[in-house]
PDB file of N, CA and C in Angstrom:
ATOM      1  N   MET A   1      34.431  43.062  66.961  1.00  0.00           N
ATOM      2  CA  MET A   1      34.436  41.626  67.174  1.00  0.00           C
ATOM      3  C   MET A   1      33.388  41.015  66.268  1.00  0.00           C
ATOM      4  N   MET A   2      32.232  41.636  66.167  1.00  0.00           N
ATOM      5  CA  MET A   2      31.198  41.122  65.328  1.00  0.00           C
ATOM      6  C   MET A   2      31.563  41.090  63.820  1.00  0.00           C
ATOM      7  N   ASP A   3      32.228  42.082  63.425  1.00  0.00           N
ATOM      8  CA  ASP A   3      32.752  42.153  62.079  1.00  0.00           C
ATOM      9  C   ASP A   3      33.832  41.095  61.791  1.00  0.00           C
ATOM     10  N   GLU A   4      34.718  40.850  62.743  1.00  0.00           N
ATOM     11  CA  GLU A   4      35.702  39.842  62.659  1.00  0.00           C
ATOM     12  C   GLU A   4      35.107  38.369  62.659  1.00  0.00           C
ATOM     13  N   LEU A   5      34.039  38.169  63.359  1.00  0.00           N
ATOM     14  CA  LEU A   5      33.362  36.858  63.297  1.00  0.00           C
ATOM     15  C   LEU A   5      32.733  36.678  61.935  1.00  0.00           C
ATOM     16  N   GLU A   6      32.146  37.632  61.230  1.00  0.00           N
ATOM     17  CA  GLU A   6      31.628  37.582  59.989  1.00  0.00           C
ATOM     18  C   GLU A   6      32.686  37.297  59.003  1.00  0.00           C
ATOM     19  N   ARG A   7      33.876  37.970  59.139  1.00  0.00           N
ATOM     20  CA  ARG A   7      34.976  37.881  58.099  1.00  0.00           C
ATOM     21  C   ARG A   7      35.553  36.485  58.201  1.00  0.00           C
ATOM     22  N   ILE A   8      35.811  36.036  59.322  1.00  0.00           N
ATOM     23  CA  ILE A   8      36.612  34.730  59.418  1.00  0.00           C
ATOM     24  C   ILE A   8      35.692  33.547  59.075  1.00  0.00           C
ATOM     25  N   THR A   9      34.386  33.749  59.136  1.00  0.00           N
ATOM     26  CA  THR A   9      33.462  32.721  58.745  1.00  0.00           C
ATOM     27  C   THR A   9      32.803  32.916  57.280  1.00  0.00           C
ATOM     28  N   SER A  10      33.511  33.792  56.590  1.00  0.00           N
ATOM     29  CA  SER A  10      32.994  34.235  55.240  1.00  0.00           C
ATOM     30  C   SER A  10      31.404  34.548  55.350  1.00  0.00           C
ATOM     31  N   GLU A  11      31.075  35.175  56.241  1.00  0.00           N
ATOM     32  CA  GLU A  11      29.684  35.816  56.498  1.00  0.00           C
ATOM     33  C   GLU A  11      28.624  34.556  56.672  1.00  0.00           C
ATOM     34  N   LYS A  12      29.133  33.413  57.024  1.00  0.00           N
ATOM     35  CA  LYS A  12      28.218  32.170  57.105  1.00  0.00           C
ATOM     36  C   LYS A  12      27.698  32.149  58.591  1.00  0.00           C
ATOM     37  N   TYR A  13      28.357  32.865  59.666  1.00  0.00           N
ATOM     38  CA  TYR A  13      27.982  32.785  60.942  1.00  0.00           C
ATOM     39  C   TYR A  13      27.944  34.274  61.312  1.00  0.00           C
ATOM     40  N   ILE A  14      26.664  34.838  61.465  1.00  0.00           N
ATOM     41  CA  ILE A  14      26.506  36.136  61.970  1.00  0.00           C
ATOM     42  C   ILE A  14      25.681  36.080  63.209  1.00  0.00           C
ATOM     43  N   PRO A  15      26.197  36.069  64.372  1.00  0.00           N
ATOM     44  CA  PRO A  15      25.426  35.869  65.574  1.00  0.00           C
ATOM     45  C   PRO A  15      24.792  37.299  66.010  1.00  0.00           C
ATOM     46  N   GLU A  16      23.680  37.042  66.748  1.00  0.00           N
ATOM     47  CA  GLU A  16      22.972  38.207  67.399  1.00  0.00           C
ATOM     48  C   GLU A  16      23.955  38.862  68.440  1.00  0.00           C
ATOM     49  N   PRO A  17      24.076  40.118  68.278  1.00  0.00           N
ATOM     50  CA  PRO A  17      24.915  40.793  69.367  1.00  0.00           C
ATOM     51  C   PRO A  17      24.760  40.502  70.782  1.00  0.00           C
ATOM     52  N   GLY A  18      23.385  40.367  71.116  1.00  0.00           N
ATOM     53  CA  GLY A  18      23.015  39.988  72.435  1.00  0.00           C
ATOM     54  C   GLY A  18      23.614  38.674  72.868  1.00  0.00           C
ATOM     55  N   ALA A  19      23.547  37.728  71.934  1.00  0.00           N
ATOM     56  CA  ALA A  19      24.025  36.360  72.197  1.00  0.00           C
ATOM     57  C   ALA A  19      25.529  36.416  72.488  1.00  0.00           C
ATOM     58  N   VAL A  20      26.273  37.299  71.685  1.00  0.00           N
ATOM     59  CA  VAL A  20      27.762  37.404  71.987  1.00  0.00           C
ATOM     60  C   VAL A  20      28.154  38.035  73.229  1.00  0.00           C
ATOM     61  N   TYR A  21      27.372  38.979  73.678  1.00  0.00           N
ATOM     62  CA  TYR A  21      27.630  39.781  74.957  1.00  0.00           C
ATOM     63  C   TYR A  21      27.346  38.870  76.119  1.00  0.00           C
ATOM     64  N   THR A  22      26.169  38.013  75.993  1.00  0.00           N
ATOM     65  CA  THR A  22      25.873  37.157  76.992  1.00  0.00           C
ATOM     66  C   THR A  22      26.856  36.072  77.131  1.00  0.00           C
ATOM     67  N   MET A  23      27.502  35.642  76.124  1.00  0.00           N
ATOM     68  CA  MET A  23      28.520  34.613  76.152  1.00  0.00           C
ATOM     69  C   MET A  23      29.770  35.148  76.813  1.00  0.00           C
ATOM     70  N   LEU A  24      30.075  36.455  76.349  1.00  0.00           N
ATOM     71  CA  LEU A  24      31.281  37.173  76.989  1.00  0.00           C
ATOM     72  C   LEU A  24      31.062  37.419  78.458  1.00  0.00           C
ATOM     73  N   ARG A  25      29.940  37.775  79.019  1.00  0.00           N
ATOM     74  CA  ARG A  25      29.697  37.844  80.409  1.00  0.00           C
ATOM     75  C   ARG A  25      29.807  36.485  81.173  1.00  0.00           C
ATOM     76  N   ARG A  26      29.363  35.354  80.522  1.00  0.00           N
ATOM     77  CA  ARG A  26      29.568  34.125  81.223  1.00  0.00           C
ATOM     78  C   ARG A  26      31.033  33.754  81.185  1.00  0.00           C
ATOM     79  N   MET A  27      31.630  34.136  80.132  1.00  0.00           N
ATOM     80  CA  MET A  27      33.138  33.730  80.075  1.00  0.00           C
ATOM     81  C   MET A  27      33.835  34.534  81.179  1.00  0.00           C
ATOM     82  N   GLU A  28      33.437  35.818  81.353  1.00  0.00           N
ATOM     83  CA  GLU A  28      34.066  36.658  82.431  1.00  0.00           C
ATOM     84  C   GLU A  28      33.793  36.080  83.777  1.00  0.00           C
ATOM     85  N   GLU A  29      32.559  35.540  84.043  1.00  0.00           N
ATOM     86  CA  GLU A  29      32.267  34.906  85.251  1.00  0.00           C
ATOM     87  C   GLU A  29      33.013  33.682  85.591  1.00  0.00           C
ATOM     88  N   ARG A  30      33.335  33.018  84.489  1.00  0.00           N
ATOM     89  CA  ARG A  30      34.277  31.797  84.683  1.00  0.00           C
ATOM     90  C   ARG A  30      35.727  32.108  84.699  1.00  0.00           C
ATOM     91  N   GLY A  31      36.033  33.324  84.567  1.00  0.00           N
ATOM     92  CA  GLY A  31      37.596  33.601  84.505  1.00  0.00           C
ATOM     93  C   GLY A  31      38.258  33.514  83.302  1.00  0.00           C
ATOM     94  N   PHE A  32      37.516  33.433  82.192  1.00  0.00           N
ATOM     95  CA  PHE A  32      38.263  33.109  80.745  1.00  0.00           C
ATOM     96  C   PHE A  32      38.526  34.433  80.155  1.00  0.00           C
ATOM     97  N   VAL A  33      37.738  35.536  80.469  1.00  0.00           N
ATOM     98  CA  VAL A  33      38.161  36.874  80.061  1.00  0.00           C
ATOM     99  C   VAL A  33      37.988  37.811  81.182  1.00  0.00           C
ATOM    100  N   THR A  34      38.640  39.061  80.920  1.00  0.00           N
ATOM    101  CA  THR A  34      38.455  40.195  81.777  1.00  0.00           C
ATOM    102  C   THR A  34      37.872  41.235  80.885  1.00  0.00           C
ATOM    103  N   SER A  35      37.296  42.283  81.442  1.00  0.00           N
ATOM    104  CA  SER A  35      36.867  43.371  80.684  1.00  0.00           C
ATOM    105  C   SER A  35      37.081  44.691  81.458  1.00  0.00           C
ATOM    106  N   GLU A  36      37.181  45.763  80.640  1.00  0.00           N
ATOM    107  CA  GLU A  36      37.268  47.110  81.157  1.00  0.00           C
ATOM    108  C   GLU A  36      36.583  48.069  80.170  1.00  0.00           C
ATOM    109  N   TRP A  37      36.176  49.148  80.587  1.00  0.00           N
ATOM    110  CA  TRP A  37      35.684  50.180  79.741  1.00  0.00           C
ATOM    111  C   TRP A  37      36.793  51.095  79.312  1.00  0.00           C
ATOM    112  N   GLU A  38      36.812  51.280  77.850  1.00  0.00           N
ATOM    113  CA  GLU A  38      37.621  52.146  77.300  1.00  0.00           C
ATOM    114  C   GLU A  38      36.971  53.387  77.041  1.00  0.00           C
ATOM    115  N   ARG A  39      37.411  54.497  77.630  1.00  0.00           N
ATOM    116  CA  ARG A  39      36.718  55.849  77.628  1.00  0.00           C
ATOM    117  C   ARG A  39      37.288  56.534  76.322  1.00  0.00           C
ATOM    118  N   LYS A  40      36.387  57.050  75.448  1.00  0.00           N
ATOM    119  CA  LYS A  40      36.824  57.788  74.381  1.00  0.00           C
ATOM    120  C   LYS A  40      36.433  59.264  74.457  1.00  0.00           C
ATOM    121  N   GLU A  41      37.209  60.098  73.878  1.00  0.00           N
ATOM    122  CA  GLU A  41      36.873  61.421  73.994  1.00  0.00           C
ATOM    123  C   GLU A  41      35.806  61.904  73.015  1.00  0.00           C
ATOM    124  N   THR A  42      35.715  61.150  71.815  1.00  0.00           N
ATOM    125  CA  THR A  42      34.640  61.380  70.926  1.00  0.00           C
ATOM    126  C   THR A  42      34.074  59.907  70.779  1.00  0.00           C
ATOM    127  N   GLY A  43      32.683  59.921  70.505  1.00  0.00           N
ATOM    128  CA  GLY A  43      32.015  58.647  70.241  1.00  0.00           C
ATOM    129  C   GLY A  43      31.793  57.951  71.532  1.00  0.00           C
ATOM    130  N   ALA A  44      31.186  56.759  71.429  1.00  0.00           N
ATOM    131  CA  ALA A  44      30.725  56.021  72.554  1.00  0.00           C
ATOM    132  C   ALA A  44      31.854  55.321  73.306  1.00  0.00           C
ATOM    133  N   ASP A  45      31.809  55.095  74.656  1.00  0.00           N
ATOM    134  CA  ASP A  45      32.832  54.357  75.340  1.00  0.00           C
ATOM    135  C   ASP A  45      32.536  52.978  74.868  1.00  0.00           C
ATOM    136  N   ARG A  46      33.565  52.050  75.078  1.00  0.00           N
ATOM    137  CA  ARG A  46      33.380  50.627  74.782  1.00  0.00           C
ATOM    138  C   ARG A  46      33.955  49.804  75.681  1.00  0.00           C
ATOM    139  N   ARG A  47      33.491  48.525  75.867  1.00  0.00           N
ATOM    140  CA  ARG A  47      34.015  47.600  76.746  1.00  0.00           C
ATOM    141  C   ARG A  47      35.010  46.772  75.947  1.00  0.00           C
ATOM    142  N   VAL A  48      36.280  46.532  76.485  1.00  0.00           N
ATOM    143  CA  VAL A  48      37.365  45.820  75.845  1.00  0.00           C
ATOM    144  C   VAL A  48      37.562  44.549  76.646  1.00  0.00           C
ATOM    145  N   TYR A  49      37.546  43.487  75.963  1.00  0.00           N
ATOM    146  CA  TYR A  49      37.822  41.996  76.559  1.00  0.00           C
ATOM    147  C   TYR A  49      39.132  41.596  76.355  1.00  0.00           C
ATOM    148  N   THR A  50      39.708  40.901  77.321  1.00  0.00           N
ATOM    149  CA  THR A  50      41.009  40.335  77.062  1.00  0.00           C
ATOM    150  C   THR A  50      40.979  38.832  77.681  1.00  0.00           C
ATOM    151  N   LEU A  51      41.516  37.968  76.851  1.00  0.00           N
ATOM    152  CA  LEU A  51      41.542  36.626  77.228  1.00  0.00           C
ATOM    153  C   LEU A  51      42.521  36.401  78.281  1.00  0.00           C
ATOM    154  N   THR A  52      42.154  35.781  79.372  1.00  0.00           N
ATOM    155  CA  THR A  52      42.972  35.358  80.450  1.00  0.00           C
ATOM    156  C   THR A  52      43.922  34.065  80.196  1.00  0.00           C
ATOM    157  N   GLU A  53      44.698  33.714  81.061  1.00  0.00           N
ATOM    158  CA  GLU A  53      45.539  32.464  80.927  1.00  0.00           C
ATOM    159  C   GLU A  53      44.513  31.407  80.939  1.00  0.00           C
ATOM    160  N   ALA A  54      43.587  31.311  81.868  1.00  0.00           N
ATOM    161  CA  ALA A  54      42.589  30.230  81.859  1.00  0.00           C
ATOM    162  C   ALA A  54      41.782  30.135  80.548  1.00  0.00           C
ATOM    163  N   GLY A  55      41.515  31.330  80.015  1.00  0.00           N
ATOM    164  CA  GLY A  55      40.747  31.431  78.802  1.00  0.00           C
ATOM    165  C   GLY A  55      41.569  30.884  77.643  1.00  0.00           C
ATOM    166  N   VAL A  56      42.928  31.062  77.686  1.00  0.00           N
ATOM    167  CA  VAL A  56      43.665  30.499  76.557  1.00  0.00           C
ATOM    168  C   VAL A  56      43.795  29.009  76.742  1.00  0.00           C
ATOM    169  N   LYS A  57      43.805  28.378  77.939  1.00  0.00           N
ATOM    170  CA  LYS A  57      43.775  27.010  78.160  1.00  0.00           C
ATOM    171  C   LYS A  57      42.521  26.393  77.772  1.00  0.00           C
ATOM    172  N   ALA A  58      41.426  27.088  78.166  1.00  0.00           N
ATOM    173  CA  ALA A  58      40.195  26.449  77.702  1.00  0.00           C
ATOM    174  C   ALA A  58      39.962  26.554  76.114  1.00  0.00           C
ATOM    175  N   LEU A  59      40.385  27.576  75.492  1.00  0.00           N
ATOM    176  CA  LEU A  59      40.437  27.666  74.046  1.00  0.00           C
ATOM    177  C   LEU A  59      41.242  26.564  73.428  1.00  0.00           C
ATOM    178  N   LYS A  60      42.354  26.332  73.948  1.00  0.00           N
ATOM    179  CA  LYS A  60      43.277  25.286  73.320  1.00  0.00           C
ATOM    180  C   LYS A  60      42.548  23.937  73.482  1.00  0.00           C
ATOM    181  N   GLU A  61      41.990  23.639  74.646  1.00  0.00           N
ATOM    182  CA  GLU A  61      41.379  22.398  74.931  1.00  0.00           C
ATOM    183  C   GLU A  61      40.186  22.229  74.041  1.00  0.00           C
ATOM    184  N   GLY A  62      39.389  23.342  73.865  1.00  0.00           N
ATOM    185  CA  GLY A  62      38.283  23.352  72.980  1.00  0.00           C
ATOM    186  C   GLY A  62      38.520  23.099  71.524  1.00  0.00           C
ATOM    187  N   LEU A  63      39.716  23.630  71.056  1.00  0.00           N
ATOM    188  CA  LEU A  63      40.213  23.519  69.742  1.00  0.00           C
ATOM    189  C   LEU A  63      40.558  22.021  69.528  1.00  0.00           C
ATOM    190  N   LYS A  64      41.222  21.408  70.542  1.00  0.00           N
ATOM    191  CA  LYS A  64      41.480  19.899  70.299  1.00  0.00           C
ATOM    192  C   LYS A  64      40.294  19.121  70.105  1.00  0.00           C
ATOM    193  N   THR A  65      39.305  19.386  70.974  1.00  0.00           N
ATOM    194  CA  THR A  65      37.932  18.729  70.791  1.00  0.00           C
ATOM    195  C   THR A  65      37.427  18.828  69.421  1.00  0.00           C
ATOM    196  N   VAL A  66      37.387  20.103  68.985  1.00  0.00           N
ATOM    197  CA  VAL A  66      36.885  20.469  67.577  1.00  0.00           C
ATOM    198  C   VAL A  66      37.583  19.794  66.547  1.00  0.00           C
ATOM    199  N   LYS A  67      38.916  19.621  66.638  1.00  0.00           N
ATOM    200  CA  LYS A  67      39.815  19.038  65.624  1.00  0.00           C
ATOM    201  C   LYS A  67      39.447  17.499  65.672  1.00  0.00           C
ATOM    202  N   ARG A  68      39.331  16.894  66.774  1.00  0.00           N
ATOM    203  CA  ARG A  68      39.024  15.338  66.943  1.00  0.00           C
ATOM    204  C   ARG A  68      37.682  15.176  66.259  1.00  0.00           C
ATOM    205  N   ARG A  69      36.716  16.005  66.508  1.00  0.00           N
ATOM    206  CA  ARG A  69      35.384  15.875  65.959  1.00  0.00           C
ATOM    207  C   ARG A  69      35.420  16.098  64.460  1.00  0.00           C
ATOM    208  N   ARG A  70      36.276  16.962  63.969  1.00  0.00           N
ATOM    209  CA  ARG A  70      36.319  17.173  62.531  1.00  0.00           C
ATOM    210  C   ARG A  70      36.987  15.979  61.898  1.00  0.00           C
ATOM    211  N   GLN A  71      37.970  15.333  62.447  1.00  0.00           N
ATOM    212  CA  GLN A  71      38.517  14.254  61.933  1.00  0.00           C
ATOM    213  C   GLN A  71      37.584  13.005  61.793  1.00  0.00           C
ATOM    214  N   LEU A  72      36.814  12.864  62.823  1.00  0.00           N
ATOM    215  CA  LEU A  72      35.748  11.948  62.884  1.00  0.00           C
ATOM    216  C   LEU A  72      34.808  12.141  61.818  1.00  0.00           C
ATOM    217  N   MET A  73      34.351  13.295  61.573  1.00  0.00           N
ATOM    218  CA  MET A  73      33.264  13.701  60.423  1.00  0.00           C
ATOM    219  C   MET A  73      33.955  13.547  59.079  1.00  0.00           C
ATOM    220  N   ASP A  74      35.213  13.846  58.972  1.00  0.00           N
ATOM    221  CA  ASP A  74      35.859  13.695  57.644  1.00  0.00           C
ATOM    222  C   ASP A  74      35.950  12.267  57.358  1.00  0.00           C
ATOM    223  N   GLY A  75      36.229  11.355  58.355  1.00  0.00           N
ATOM    224  CA  GLY A  75      36.327  10.037  58.056  1.00  0.00           C
ATOM    225  C   GLY A  75      34.941   9.442  57.654  1.00  0.00           C
ATOM    226  N   LEU A  76      33.877   9.989  58.377  1.00  0.00           N
ATOM    227  CA  LEU A  76      32.470   9.422  57.894  1.00  0.00           C
ATOM    228  C   LEU A  76      32.148   9.949  56.690  1.00  0.00           C
ATOM    229  N   VAL A  77      32.519  11.081  56.263  1.00  0.00           N
ATOM    230  CA  VAL A  77      32.237  11.640  54.881  1.00  0.00           C
ATOM    231  C   VAL A  77      32.918  10.757  53.713  1.00  0.00           C
ATOM    232  N   GLN A  78      34.267  10.387  54.050  1.00  0.00           N
ATOM    233  CA  GLN A  78      35.076   9.655  53.258  1.00  0.00           C
ATOM    234  C   GLN A  78      34.455   8.272  52.953  1.00  0.00           C
ATOM    235  N   PHE A  79      34.033   7.635  54.091  1.00  0.00           N
ATOM    236  CA  PHE A  79      33.463   6.363  54.061  1.00  0.00           C
ATOM    237  C   PHE A  79      32.096   6.395  53.330  1.00  0.00           C
ATOM    238  N   TYR A  80      31.248   7.563  53.539  1.00  0.00           N
ATOM    239  CA  TYR A  80      30.045   7.642  52.671  1.00  0.00           C
ATOM    240  C   TYR A  80      30.271   7.737  51.303  1.00  0.00           C
ATOM    241  N   ASP A  81      31.231   8.675  50.957  1.00  0.00           N
ATOM    242  CA  ASP A  81      31.682   8.930  49.555  1.00  0.00           C
ATOM    243  C   ASP A  81      32.193   7.565  48.766  1.00  0.00           C
ATOM    244  N   ALA A  82      32.911   6.734  49.557  1.00  0.00           N
ATOM    245  CA  ALA A  82      33.590   5.588  49.034  1.00  0.00           C
ATOM    246  C   ALA A  82      32.456   4.463  48.862  1.00  0.00           C
ATOM    247  N   HIS A  83      31.521   4.423  49.757  1.00  0.00           N
ATOM    248  CA  HIS A  83      30.492   3.470  49.731  1.00  0.00           C
ATOM    249  C   HIS A  83      29.161   3.701  49.082  1.00  0.00           C
ATOM    250  N   PHE A  84      28.878   4.993  49.055  1.00  0.00           N
ATOM    251  CA  PHE A  84      27.446   5.235  48.608  1.00  0.00           C
ATOM    252  C   PHE A  84      27.367   6.268  47.562  1.00  0.00           C
ATOM    253  N   THR A  85      28.328   7.218  47.344  1.00  0.00           N
ATOM    254  CA  THR A  85      28.083   8.319  46.388  1.00  0.00           C
ATOM    255  C   THR A  85      28.039   7.694  44.944  1.00  0.00           C
ATOM    256  N   GLU A  86      29.006   6.744  44.634  1.00  0.00           N
ATOM    257  CA  GLU A  86      28.975   6.235  43.177  1.00  0.00           C
ATOM    258  C   GLU A  86      27.675   5.599  42.961  1.00  0.00           C
ATOM    259  N   LYS A  87      27.045   4.849  43.888  1.00  0.00           N
ATOM    260  CA  LYS A  87      25.891   4.031  43.726  1.00  0.00           C
ATOM    261  C   LYS A  87      24.681   4.946  43.412  1.00  0.00           C
ATOM    262  N   GLU A  88      24.658   6.161  44.121  1.00  0.00           N
ATOM    263  CA  GLU A  88      23.676   7.118  43.929  1.00  0.00           C
ATOM    264  C   GLU A  88      23.768   7.849  42.496  1.00  0.00           C
ATOM    265  N   GLU A  89      25.063   8.067  42.090  1.00  0.00           N
ATOM    266  CA  GLU A  89      25.257   8.688  40.803  1.00  0.00           C
ATOM    267  C   GLU A  89      24.948   7.708  39.624  1.00  0.00           C
ATOM    268  N   GLY A  90      25.141   6.502  39.886  1.00  0.00           N
ATOM    269  CA  GLY A  90      24.872   5.452  38.862  1.00  0.00           C
ATOM    270  C   GLY A  90      23.474   4.934  38.829  1.00  0.00           C
ATOM    271  N   GLY A  91      22.613   5.339  39.772  1.00  0.00           N
ATOM    272  CA  GLY A  91      21.198   4.999  39.905  1.00  0.00           C
ATOM    273  C   GLY A  91      20.886   3.763  40.569  1.00  0.00           C
ATOM    274  N   ASP A  92      21.837   3.164  41.344  1.00  0.00           N
ATOM    275  CA  ASP A  92      21.680   1.900  42.168  1.00  0.00           C
ATOM    276  C   ASP A  92      21.339   2.182  43.520  1.00  0.00           C
ATOM    277  N   ALA A  93      20.668   3.246  43.798  1.00  0.00           N
ATOM    278  CA  ALA A  93      20.438   3.574  45.168  1.00  0.00           C
ATOM    279  C   ALA A  93      19.463   2.481  45.870  1.00  0.00           C
TER     280      ALA A  93
END
């Protein structure tokens, strides 16, 4: 999971493993994920997490919020670019 987070964020977000596992435990307490140990014949056993129906719902709602915030920020950046960027480049700051 840590490798996947690094990959999808182009290595711009590399969380501490302890922070990720703390978050996963909290998500499990809230019913957003379940976990079970996967026993291996060779190598270390590992805990496997599965998103629950409640977790999927929370994820979808969270993504809606992120998208709305992103639209707001994009609008603010466009306003800034339209009203201030040219003045800065022209020396009229």
